[in-house]
Protein backbone atom coordinates (compact mmCIF):
# COMPACT_ATOMS: atom_id res chain seq x y z
CA MET A 1 57.47 -2.16 -13.16
CA GLN A 2 54.39 -3.64 -14.77
CA LEU A 3 52.79 -6.09 -12.34
CA PRO A 4 50.65 -9.00 -13.53
CA SER A 5 46.87 -8.58 -13.63
CA PHE A 6 44.14 -11.13 -13.10
CA THR A 7 41.60 -12.29 -15.63
CA ILE A 8 38.22 -11.44 -14.12
CA PRO A 9 35.56 -14.06 -14.97
CA GLN A 10 32.22 -13.01 -16.45
CA HIS A 11 28.90 -14.51 -15.38
CA THR A 12 25.30 -14.15 -16.51
CA LEU A 13 22.03 -13.78 -14.65
CA VAL A 14 18.41 -13.20 -15.58
CA ILE A 15 16.66 -10.22 -13.96
CA PRO A 16 13.60 -11.78 -12.25
CA SER A 17 10.98 -9.13 -13.07
CA THR A 18 11.89 -8.65 -16.75
CA GLY A 19 13.54 -11.92 -17.85
CA LYS A 20 16.41 -9.87 -19.32
CA GLN A 21 19.83 -11.55 -19.29
CA VAL A 22 22.79 -9.43 -18.17
CA THR A 23 26.47 -10.10 -17.49
CA TYR A 24 28.32 -9.40 -14.27
CA ARG A 25 31.74 -9.78 -12.69
CA PRO A 26 32.90 -10.25 -9.09
CA TYR A 27 33.58 -7.09 -7.14
CA VAL A 28 37.20 -6.59 -6.10
CA THR A 29 38.82 -5.49 -2.85
CA LYS A 30 38.66 -1.74 -3.48
CA GLU A 31 34.93 -2.02 -4.18
CA GLU A 32 34.29 -4.31 -1.22
CA LYS A 33 36.05 -1.86 1.14
CA VAL A 34 33.61 0.88 0.15
CA LEU A 35 30.73 -1.51 0.75
CA LEU A 36 31.97 -2.55 4.20
CA ILE A 37 32.57 1.06 5.25
CA ALA A 38 29.02 1.88 4.21
CA LYS A 39 27.66 -1.08 6.18
CA GLU A 40 29.58 -0.02 9.30
CA SER A 41 28.08 3.47 9.04
CA GLY A 42 24.60 2.02 9.53
CA ASP A 43 23.18 4.80 7.35
CA ILE A 44 20.53 3.52 4.93
CA GLN A 45 21.25 6.16 2.29
CA THR A 46 25.02 5.47 2.39
CA ILE A 47 24.48 1.72 2.10
CA ALA A 48 22.00 2.10 -0.76
CA LYS A 49 24.32 4.48 -2.61
CA SER A 50 27.23 2.02 -2.26
CA LEU A 51 25.14 -0.92 -3.43
CA LYS A 52 23.84 1.04 -6.42
CA SER A 53 27.39 2.06 -7.35
CA LEU A 54 28.54 -1.55 -7.01
CA ILE A 55 25.87 -2.82 -9.39
CA GLU A 56 26.61 -0.02 -11.87
CA GLN A 57 30.29 -0.98 -11.92
CA CYS A 58 29.95 -4.76 -11.92
CA VAL A 59 26.85 -5.44 -14.05
CA ASP A 60 26.55 -4.74 -17.78
CA GLY A 61 23.16 -4.22 -19.39
CA VAL A 62 21.15 -3.48 -16.26
CA GLY A 63 20.30 0.09 -17.32
CA ASN A 64 19.37 2.62 -14.65
CA VAL A 65 19.77 0.94 -11.25
CA ASP A 66 17.08 3.24 -9.80
CA ASP A 67 14.56 1.56 -12.12
CA LEU A 68 15.19 -1.92 -10.69
CA THR A 69 12.50 -3.38 -8.46
CA SER A 70 13.49 -3.95 -4.86
CA PHE A 71 13.64 -7.74 -5.32
CA ASP A 72 15.68 -7.44 -8.55
CA PHE A 73 18.13 -5.29 -6.61
CA GLU A 74 18.40 -7.85 -3.79
CA TYR A 75 18.76 -10.74 -6.24
CA ILE A 76 21.55 -9.06 -8.24
CA PHE A 77 23.48 -8.18 -5.10
CA LEU A 78 23.29 -11.77 -3.82
CA LYS A 79 24.60 -13.05 -7.16
CA LEU A 80 27.49 -10.57 -6.90
CA ARG A 81 28.21 -11.62 -3.33
CA ALA A 82 28.20 -15.32 -4.26
CA VAL A 83 30.95 -14.92 -6.87
CA SER A 84 32.90 -12.25 -4.95
CA VAL A 85 32.93 -13.59 -1.37
CA GLN A 86 31.37 -17.03 -1.03
CA GLU A 87 28.22 -18.86 -1.99
CA THR A 88 27.08 -19.52 1.56
CA VAL A 89 25.98 -17.38 4.48
CA THR A 90 25.64 -18.78 7.98
CA ALA A 91 22.56 -18.02 10.04
CA ARG A 92 23.47 -18.08 13.73
CA ILE A 93 20.75 -18.34 16.38
CA GLU A 94 21.31 -18.59 20.11
CA CYS A 95 19.00 -21.10 21.76
CA ASP A 96 16.35 -19.40 23.92
CA VAL A 97 15.78 -22.33 26.29
CA GLU A 98 16.61 -21.26 29.83
CA GLY A 99 20.01 -22.57 30.89
CA CYS A 100 20.93 -23.79 27.40
CA LEU A 101 23.95 -22.12 25.82
CA GLY A 102 23.58 -23.90 22.51
CA VAL A 103 23.98 -22.14 19.17
CA VAL A 104 22.21 -23.19 16.00
CA ASN A 105 24.25 -22.60 12.83
CA VAL A 106 22.68 -23.10 9.42
CA ASP A 107 24.62 -22.69 6.16
CA ILE A 108 22.54 -21.27 3.32
CA ASN A 109 23.56 -21.43 -0.34
CA ILE A 110 22.56 -17.99 -1.61
CA ASN A 111 22.85 -19.14 -5.23
CA GLU A 112 19.75 -21.22 -4.61
CA LEU A 113 17.65 -18.26 -3.46
CA GLU A 114 15.08 -16.83 -5.85
CA PRO A 115 12.44 -14.12 -5.37
CA THR A 116 9.35 -15.78 -3.89
CA LEU A 117 5.87 -14.70 -4.92
CA HIS A 118 3.69 -15.11 -1.85
CA GLU A 119 0.20 -16.60 -1.83
CA GLY A 120 -2.66 -14.20 -2.44
CA HIS A 121 -0.56 -11.60 -4.24
CA GLU A 122 -2.47 -9.26 -6.56
CA LYS A 123 -1.42 -6.24 -8.60
CA LYS A 124 -4.97 -5.37 -9.65
CA ILE A 125 -7.02 -4.58 -6.57
CA VAL A 126 -10.71 -3.65 -6.53
CA LEU A 127 -11.27 -1.20 -3.69
CA SER A 128 -15.02 -0.64 -4.10
CA GLU A 129 -17.23 -3.30 -5.67
CA ALA A 130 -20.16 -0.86 -5.77
CA ASP A 131 -18.28 1.78 -7.77
CA GLY A 132 -15.92 -0.58 -9.60
CA ILE A 133 -13.02 1.59 -8.45
CA GLY A 134 -9.60 0.06 -7.94
CA VAL A 135 -5.90 0.32 -8.61
CA VAL A 136 -3.27 -1.51 -10.59
CA MET A 137 0.01 -1.45 -8.71
CA LYS A 138 3.62 -1.56 -9.87
CA TYR A 139 6.53 -2.82 -7.79
CA PRO A 140 8.53 -0.26 -5.78
CA THR A 141 11.81 0.63 -7.42
CA VAL A 142 15.19 1.30 -5.85
CA GLY A 143 14.75 4.96 -6.76
CA LEU A 144 11.46 5.16 -4.86
CA ILE A 145 12.64 3.28 -1.78
CA THR A 146 15.78 5.41 -1.45
CA SER A 147 14.01 8.69 -2.18
CA PRO A 148 13.97 11.23 0.67
CA GLN A 149 10.18 11.04 1.09
CA ILE A 150 10.52 7.33 1.94
CA SER A 151 13.98 6.73 3.43
CA GLU A 152 14.44 10.05 5.22
CA SER A 153 10.85 10.73 6.17
CA ASP A 154 10.16 12.04 9.67
CA GLU A 155 6.47 11.47 9.15
CA SER A 156 4.34 8.80 10.81
CA GLU A 157 4.28 5.22 9.59
CA ILE A 158 0.91 5.74 7.91
CA GLU A 159 2.23 8.78 6.00
CA THR A 160 5.23 6.76 4.82
CA THR A 161 2.88 3.98 3.73
CA ILE A 162 0.71 6.48 1.84
CA ASN A 163 3.79 7.91 0.08
CA MET A 164 4.80 4.37 -0.93
CA ILE A 165 1.32 3.62 -2.25
CA ILE A 166 1.26 6.84 -4.28
CA GLY A 167 4.65 5.96 -5.80
CA CYS A 168 3.50 2.46 -6.73
CA ILE A 169 0.16 3.20 -8.39
CA ASP A 170 0.34 2.33 -12.08
CA GLN A 171 -3.31 2.88 -12.95
CA ILE A 172 -6.59 3.83 -11.32
CA PHE A 173 -9.76 2.40 -12.83
CA ASP A 174 -13.52 2.45 -12.48
CA ASN A 175 -16.39 0.83 -14.39
CA ASP A 176 -15.95 3.18 -17.33
CA ALA A 177 -12.24 3.77 -17.87
CA SER A 178 -8.65 3.37 -16.77
CA TYR A 179 -6.54 6.35 -15.70
CA PRO A 180 -2.73 5.94 -15.99
CA ALA A 181 -0.88 7.41 -13.03
CA SER A 182 1.68 8.83 -15.45
CA GLU A 183 -1.04 11.13 -16.81
CA SER A 184 -2.03 12.40 -13.37
CA THR A 185 -0.29 15.00 -11.25
CA HIS A 186 1.24 14.13 -7.91
CA GLU A 187 -1.41 16.28 -6.23
CA GLU A 188 -4.20 14.34 -7.96
CA LEU A 189 -2.74 11.01 -6.85
CA CYS A 190 -2.35 12.31 -3.30
CA ALA A 191 -5.98 13.45 -3.29
CA PHE A 192 -7.13 10.03 -4.53
CA VAL A 193 -5.19 8.10 -1.88
CA ASP A 194 -6.30 10.54 0.84
CA SER A 195 -9.91 9.75 -0.10
CA LEU A 196 -9.48 6.02 0.60
CA LYS A 197 -10.90 4.43 3.74
CA GLY A 198 -8.53 2.78 6.20
CA SER A 199 -9.78 -0.66 5.17
CA MET A 200 -8.81 0.10 1.55
CA ILE A 201 -5.27 1.06 2.56
CA GLU A 202 -5.05 -2.20 4.54
CA LYS A 203 -6.29 -4.15 1.51
CA ILE A 204 -3.53 -2.68 -0.68
CA GLU A 205 -0.94 -3.53 1.95
CA GLU A 206 -2.24 -7.08 2.36
CA LYS A 207 -2.82 -7.92 -1.30
CA PHE A 208 0.23 -6.17 -2.74
CA PHE A 209 3.02 -4.99 -0.44
CA ASN A 210 2.93 -7.79 2.15
CA THR A 211 2.86 -10.50 -0.51
CA MET A 212 5.09 -9.06 -3.24
CA PRO A 213 8.15 -11.06 -4.36
CA SER A 214 11.09 -11.05 -1.96
CA ILE A 215 14.32 -12.91 -1.32
CA SER A 216 13.63 -15.07 1.69
CA TYR A 217 14.68 -18.28 3.39
CA LYS A 218 12.79 -20.33 5.94
CA SER A 219 13.73 -23.64 7.54
CA THR A 220 14.03 -25.38 10.90
CA ALA A 221 17.04 -26.69 12.80
CA LYS A 222 17.54 -28.33 16.18
CA CYS A 223 19.74 -26.98 18.94
CA PRO A 224 22.77 -29.29 19.21
CA LYS A 225 22.63 -29.12 23.03
CA CYS A 226 19.00 -29.35 24.10
CA GLY A 227 17.33 -30.48 20.91
CA LYS A 228 14.75 -27.68 20.69
CA GLU A 229 13.64 -27.05 17.11
CA HIS A 230 14.14 -23.46 15.98
CA THR A 231 12.67 -21.67 12.98
CA ILE A 232 15.25 -20.00 10.74
CA SER A 233 13.67 -17.09 8.86
CA LEU A 234 15.68 -14.60 6.78
CA GLU A 235 14.42 -11.92 4.43
CA GLY A 236 15.95 -8.91 2.71
CA LEU A 237 19.48 -7.59 2.24
CA ASP A 238 20.12 -7.02 5.94
CA ASP A 239 19.87 -10.76 6.63
CA PHE A 240 22.04 -11.81 3.67
CA PHE A 241 24.57 -8.92 3.56
């Protein structure tokens, strides 16, 4: 017996980093089940793989999902979630005042969230004024963030940071020329980053990574019982999943 089928609506969105318009549809129950199973596993690689598969199935015109920037990836998923589940997520915070059992609930319309470019952000960073040496950075992609050297690394935090920096260098420059990272070997890029002083690594983190666009929400709300004002701060997929 042929059962009736639903007409699935189509929507459009603009990818933040490129301005390209793509179409997307809500994800259905069979796709959501895979997503929820992945979330319950708590495994970053499993979750990332499920999210990438979801975008590949539900979004037309996005190209290779691995090439999306991290904030494009977050933005597209939130748009999918808004049309597939609901447009709001509820932030729930237990009051930390001693003896108060109040709970602060704040409803957030995720359709109103856009990637935020933070103050002081720079992609071109001069590392040595004396030598005119610096770097031009590119945003980390989904492929880089989910690569084994980043997501499965057993190395120290500084080594992970260095691997991320190497993967995000677009160009190296000095007073005389510019050197595209695509024309350098991985070993040459590693040698360059290894030659940087600690203060230079910190400058790249501060000027680029810590201030790059992200999906975030910040507000305040009062505890309904004691009246204490709490700060509501959400950022990244984990907070909006």
